[in-house]
């Protein structure tokens, strides 16, 4: 494990030194938050719930979502695909006694150890600004449930992103995959609107897709929208998706590295 801790320390240092991307991301997230909150606050919801959400709950949903973006947003796709395309992965990983999965995990962890703090600060500031709408209350049981859901969200998101990047072993242009991923996560993953606002027929399908467990599921628990049975089934489905993507990763990595070695890279 010592070698993986080295990757963790190195990327913590990089995150502290190169703060530009972090600043750009937090500005982007704040702009998105302000846009959605303004939309709901200007709506004609007078004591009427939409999809089981009151106006205050919708504002709270997006404010907590601001922190969640920083917590579960593990996307190694961008730099990992570049390593594969350039051939650098042969020297950085393939030729070394390390697991790509865990090496990449600790690199991402290093960035998130630093980035979660400005995300938390931004959430607290926005919660204070919107204090008349923001609902703070969570029980200890809810906190524990949310922590487990966040761990699932991290691994579903991370493993999916790694698998997408591995497609670069065979395809030159895979950016469309990233666009499809973000569109799906936004629309049916609960980032743009709570999935409870989706049509009933679509919602029944969405509950079984991985995108819900990348973002919406933890927020549904924060908002107290799930029963005990729904919570347990959510944990089960999210865990199954992690297992599926890990299997896909192992197959892609095995075949991809063989492609590299047979090509003499």
Protein backbone atom coordinates (compact mmCIF):
# COMPACT_ATOMS: atom_id res chain seq x y z
CA UNK A 1 0.00 0.00 0.00
CA UNK A 2 2.97 2.32 0.46
CA UNK A 3 3.26 2.99 -3.27
CA UNK A 4 -0.40 4.06 -3.41
CA UNK A 5 0.07 6.44 -0.48
CA UNK A 6 2.87 8.02 -2.51
CA UNK A 7 0.37 8.77 -5.29
CA UNK A 8 -2.01 10.18 -2.67
CA UNK A 9 0.61 12.52 -1.18
CA UNK A 10 1.79 13.65 -4.61
CA UNK A 11 -1.68 14.60 -5.76
CA UNK A 12 -2.52 16.39 -2.50
CA UNK A 13 0.54 18.55 -3.18
CA UNK A 14 -0.50 19.08 -6.81
CA UNK A 15 -4.00 20.10 -5.75
CA UNK A 16 -2.57 22.65 -3.32
CA UNK A 17 -0.19 24.07 -5.93
CA UNK A 18 -2.45 24.08 -8.99
CA UNK A 19 -5.65 25.64 -7.65
CA UNK A 20 -6.89 27.09 -10.95
CA UNK A 21 -9.06 24.12 -12.04
CA UNK A 22 -10.56 23.98 -8.56
CA UNK A 23 -11.51 27.66 -8.73
CA UNK A 24 -13.05 27.26 -12.18
CA UNK A 25 -15.08 24.25 -11.04
CA UNK A 26 -16.44 25.97 -7.93
CA UNK A 27 -17.44 29.06 -9.94
CA UNK A 28 -19.18 26.82 -12.47
CA UNK A 29 -21.04 24.95 -9.71
CA UNK A 30 -22.07 28.19 -8.00
CA UNK A 31 -23.42 29.61 -11.25
CA UNK A 32 -25.44 26.42 -11.80
CA UNK A 33 -26.75 26.53 -8.22
CA UNK A 34 -27.79 30.17 -8.50
CA UNK A 35 -29.53 29.49 -11.82
CA UNK A 36 -31.62 26.58 -10.51
CA UNK A 37 -32.41 28.21 -7.16
CA UNK A 38 -33.49 31.42 -8.90
CA UNK A 39 -35.71 29.38 -11.19
CA UNK A 40 -37.55 27.70 -8.31
CA UNK A 41 -37.75 30.81 -6.15
CA UNK A 42 -39.33 32.73 -9.01
CA UNK A 43 -41.83 29.94 -9.71
CA UNK A 44 -45.48 30.19 -8.69
CA UNK A 45 -45.28 27.49 -5.99
CA UNK A 46 -47.56 28.81 -3.28
CA UNK A 47 -47.78 26.07 -0.69
CA UNK A 48 -47.90 23.50 -3.49
CA UNK A 49 -45.44 20.61 -3.72
CA UNK A 50 -43.92 19.40 -6.99
CA UNK A 51 -42.99 15.73 -7.03
CA UNK A 52 -43.23 15.70 -3.25
CA UNK A 53 -40.82 18.68 -2.90
CA UNK A 54 -41.76 22.03 -1.42
CA UNK A 55 -39.99 25.21 -2.52
CA UNK A 56 -37.76 25.11 0.58
CA UNK A 57 -36.89 21.47 -0.05
CA UNK A 58 -35.93 22.20 -3.65
CA UNK A 59 -33.60 25.01 -2.55
CA UNK A 60 -32.11 22.70 0.10
CA UNK A 61 -31.68 19.97 -2.54
CA UNK A 62 -29.50 22.20 -4.71
CA UNK A 63 -27.48 23.65 -1.83
CA UNK A 64 -26.58 20.18 -0.53
CA UNK A 65 -25.97 19.19 -4.14
CA UNK A 66 -23.24 21.82 -4.32
CA UNK A 67 -21.21 19.93 -1.70
CA UNK A 68 -22.13 16.58 -3.21
CA UNK A 69 -20.64 17.66 -6.54
CA UNK A 70 -17.27 17.95 -4.84
CA UNK A 71 -17.67 14.78 -2.83
CA UNK A 72 -18.75 12.28 -5.48
CA UNK A 73 -17.32 13.93 -8.61
CA UNK A 74 -14.55 11.40 -9.25
CA UNK A 75 -13.83 11.72 -13.00
CA UNK A 76 -10.40 10.39 -14.01
CA UNK A 77 -11.71 10.01 -17.58
CA UNK A 78 -10.02 13.15 -18.89
CA UNK A 79 -6.43 12.59 -17.86
CA UNK A 80 -6.56 8.79 -18.05
CA UNK A 81 -7.72 8.72 -21.68
CA UNK A 82 -4.85 11.10 -22.53
CA UNK A 83 -2.35 8.76 -20.90
CA UNK A 84 -3.64 5.89 -23.01
CA UNK A 85 -3.69 7.90 -26.24
CA UNK A 86 -0.17 9.22 -25.75
CA UNK A 87 1.24 5.85 -24.76
CA UNK A 88 2.44 7.19 -21.40
CA UNK A 89 0.41 4.54 -19.61
CA UNK A 90 2.90 1.90 -20.80
CA UNK A 91 5.66 3.41 -18.67
CA UNK A 92 3.51 4.79 -15.84
CA UNK A 93 1.37 1.72 -15.14
CA UNK A 94 1.58 -1.29 -17.48
CA UNK A 95 5.30 -1.85 -16.89
CA UNK A 96 5.00 -1.35 -13.11
CA UNK A 97 3.68 -3.67 -10.37
CA UNK A 98 0.69 -1.45 -9.60
CA UNK A 99 -3.04 -1.73 -10.15
CA UNK A 100 -4.36 0.94 -12.50
CA UNK A 101 -7.65 0.90 -10.59
CA UNK A 102 -6.12 1.67 -7.20
CA UNK A 103 -3.38 3.92 -8.50
CA UNK A 104 -6.01 6.08 -10.21
CA UNK A 105 -8.21 5.89 -7.11
CA UNK A 106 -5.52 7.31 -4.83
CA UNK A 107 -4.63 10.01 -7.36
CA UNK A 108 -8.29 11.09 -7.38
CA UNK A 109 -8.48 10.79 -3.59
CA UNK A 110 -5.57 13.22 -3.24
CA UNK A 111 -7.44 15.85 -5.23
CA UNK A 112 -10.67 15.35 -3.28
CA UNK A 113 -8.96 15.54 0.10
CA UNK A 114 -8.21 19.16 -0.81
CA UNK A 115 -11.21 20.10 -2.98
CA UNK A 116 -13.91 19.04 -0.51
CA UNK A 117 -13.07 21.99 1.77
CA UNK A 118 -13.86 24.81 -0.68
CA UNK A 119 -16.98 22.82 -1.61
CA UNK A 120 -18.03 22.68 2.05
CA UNK A 121 -17.29 26.38 2.47
CA UNK A 122 -19.35 27.24 -0.62
CA UNK A 123 -22.28 25.17 0.68
CA UNK A 124 -22.16 26.84 4.10
CA UNK A 125 -22.04 30.31 2.52
CA UNK A 126 -24.96 29.59 0.21
CA UNK A 127 -26.88 27.93 3.04
CA UNK A 128 -26.40 31.09 5.10
CA UNK A 129 -27.46 33.36 2.22
CA UNK A 130 -30.54 31.21 1.64
CA UNK A 131 -31.14 30.54 5.34
CA UNK A 132 -34.84 31.35 5.13
CA UNK A 133 -35.28 28.49 2.64
CA UNK A 134 -32.49 26.09 3.63
CA UNK A 135 -33.51 23.12 5.82
CA UNK A 136 -30.66 21.97 8.08
CA UNK A 137 -32.14 19.15 10.11
CA UNK A 138 -30.79 15.62 9.74
CA UNK A 139 -30.85 12.83 12.29
CA UNK A 140 -27.79 10.77 13.17
CA UNK A 141 -29.33 7.79 11.36
CA UNK A 142 -29.75 9.93 8.23
CA UNK A 143 -26.11 11.04 8.41
CA UNK A 144 -24.93 7.42 8.59
CA UNK A 145 -27.21 6.42 5.72
CA UNK A 146 -25.97 9.33 3.62
CA UNK A 147 -22.31 8.46 4.26
CA UNK A 148 -22.87 4.91 2.98
CA UNK A 149 -24.75 6.27 -0.05
CA UNK A 150 -21.90 8.70 -0.80
CA UNK A 151 -19.35 5.86 -0.72
CA UNK A 152 -21.51 3.95 -3.23
CA UNK A 153 -21.86 7.09 -5.38
CA UNK A 154 -18.09 7.60 -5.41
CA UNK A 155 -17.34 4.05 -6.55
CA UNK A 156 -20.13 3.92 -9.15
CA UNK A 157 -18.99 7.24 -10.63
CA UNK A 158 -15.29 6.49 -10.41
CA UNK A 159 -15.45 2.98 -11.87
CA UNK A 160 -17.72 4.11 -14.71
CA UNK A 161 -15.31 6.93 -15.54
CA UNK A 162 -12.33 4.56 -15.59
CA UNK A 163 -14.17 2.15 -17.91
CA UNK A 164 -15.03 5.02 -20.26
CA UNK A 165 -11.37 6.08 -20.37
CA UNK A 166 -10.24 2.53 -21.17
CA UNK A 167 -12.22 2.71 -24.41
CA UNK A 168 -9.28 4.80 -25.66
CA UNK A 169 -7.37 1.54 -26.12
CA UNK A 170 -9.51 0.89 -29.19
CA UNK A 171 -11.21 4.18 -30.14
CA UNK A 172 -9.59 7.47 -31.12
CA UNK A 173 -12.62 9.66 -30.46
CA UNK A 174 -14.38 8.85 -27.19
CA UNK A 175 -15.39 12.34 -26.09
CA UNK A 176 -18.96 11.54 -27.19
CA UNK A 177 -19.05 9.00 -24.35
CA UNK A 178 -18.27 11.77 -21.91
CA UNK A 179 -21.04 13.95 -23.34
CA UNK A 180 -23.53 11.09 -23.06
CA UNK A 181 -22.40 10.41 -19.50
CA UNK A 182 -22.88 14.01 -18.38
CA UNK A 183 -26.24 14.34 -20.10
CA UNK A 184 -27.50 11.14 -18.48
CA UNK A 185 -26.17 12.09 -15.04
CA UNK A 186 -27.74 15.51 -15.30
CA UNK A 187 -31.17 14.52 -16.60
CA UNK A 188 -31.83 11.09 -15.08
CA UNK A 189 -29.23 11.19 -12.32
CA UNK A 190 -30.86 13.99 -10.35
CA UNK A 191 -28.35 16.75 -10.99
CA UNK A 192 -30.60 19.08 -13.01
CA UNK A 193 -33.83 18.25 -11.17
CA UNK A 194 -34.82 15.69 -8.51
CA UNK A 195 -35.72 12.42 -10.23
CA UNK A 196 -39.10 12.52 -8.44
CA UNK A 197 -40.07 15.21 -10.97
CA UNK A 198 -39.58 12.81 -13.90
CA UNK A 199 -42.62 11.11 -15.50
CA UNK A 200 -43.75 8.08 -13.51
CA UNK A 201 -43.00 5.62 -16.30
CA UNK A 202 -39.46 6.91 -16.74
CA UNK A 203 -38.88 7.10 -12.99
CA UNK A 204 -39.56 3.38 -12.65
CA UNK A 205 -36.70 2.70 -15.08
CA UNK A 206 -34.34 5.36 -13.70
CA UNK A 207 -34.40 3.77 -10.25
CA UNK A 208 -32.57 0.76 -11.68
CA UNK A 209 -29.98 2.68 -13.73
CA UNK A 210 -26.51 3.54 -12.38
CA UNK A 211 -26.91 7.31 -12.83
CA UNK A 212 -29.28 7.57 -9.86
CA UNK A 213 -26.59 6.12 -7.59
CA UNK A 214 -23.97 8.60 -8.77
CA UNK A 215 -25.85 11.62 -7.43
CA UNK A 216 -29.56 11.41 -6.67
CA UNK A 217 -29.57 8.57 -4.13
CA UNK A 218 -27.54 10.39 -1.42
CA UNK A 219 -29.65 13.53 -1.89
CA UNK A 220 -32.87 11.55 -1.60
CA UNK A 221 -31.62 10.27 1.77
CA UNK A 222 -30.59 13.76 2.87
CA UNK A 223 -34.06 15.01 2.03
CA UNK A 224 -35.69 12.10 3.91
CA UNK A 225 -37.57 10.89 0.84
CA UNK A 226 -36.89 7.16 1.17
CA UNK A 227 -38.43 4.46 3.33
CA UNK A 228 -36.33 1.78 5.02
CA UNK A 229 -37.06 -0.72 2.25
CA UNK A 230 -36.26 1.83 -0.47
CA UNK A 231 -32.99 2.66 1.27
CA UNK A 232 -31.94 -1.00 1.52
CA UNK A 233 -32.86 -1.71 -2.10
CA UNK A 234 -30.93 1.43 -3.13
CA UNK A 235 -27.80 0.19 -1.37
CA UNK A 236 -28.22 -3.20 -3.04
CA UNK A 237 -28.72 -1.82 -6.56
CA UNK A 238 -25.83 0.64 -6.20
CA UNK A 239 -23.51 -2.13 -4.98
CA UNK A 240 -24.53 -4.36 -7.88
CA UNK A 241 -23.62 -1.59 -10.33
CA UNK A 242 -20.20 -1.24 -8.69
CA UNK A 243 -19.63 -4.98 -9.14
CA UNK A 244 -20.77 -4.83 -12.79
CA UNK A 245 -18.45 -1.95 -13.64
CA UNK A 246 -15.51 -3.57 -11.81
CA UNK A 247 -15.98 -6.70 -13.95
CA UNK A 248 -16.17 -4.55 -17.09
CA UNK A 249 -13.03 -2.72 -15.99
CA UNK A 250 -11.11 -5.96 -15.48
CA UNK A 251 -12.10 -7.26 -18.92
CA UNK A 252 -11.25 -3.97 -20.65
CA UNK A 253 -7.93 -3.60 -18.83
CA UNK A 254 -6.88 -7.16 -19.61
CA UNK A 255 -7.74 -6.91 -23.29
CA UNK A 256 -6.47 -3.34 -23.59
CA UNK A 257 -3.02 -4.08 -22.21
CA UNK A 258 -2.74 -7.08 -24.54
CA UNK A 259 -3.50 -4.74 -27.41
CA UNK A 260 -0.71 -2.44 -26.22
CA UNK A 261 1.88 -5.19 -25.81
CA UNK A 262 1.03 -6.84 -29.14
CA UNK A 263 1.44 -3.45 -30.82
CA UNK A 264 4.85 -3.06 -29.22
CA UNK A 265 3.93 0.01 -27.16
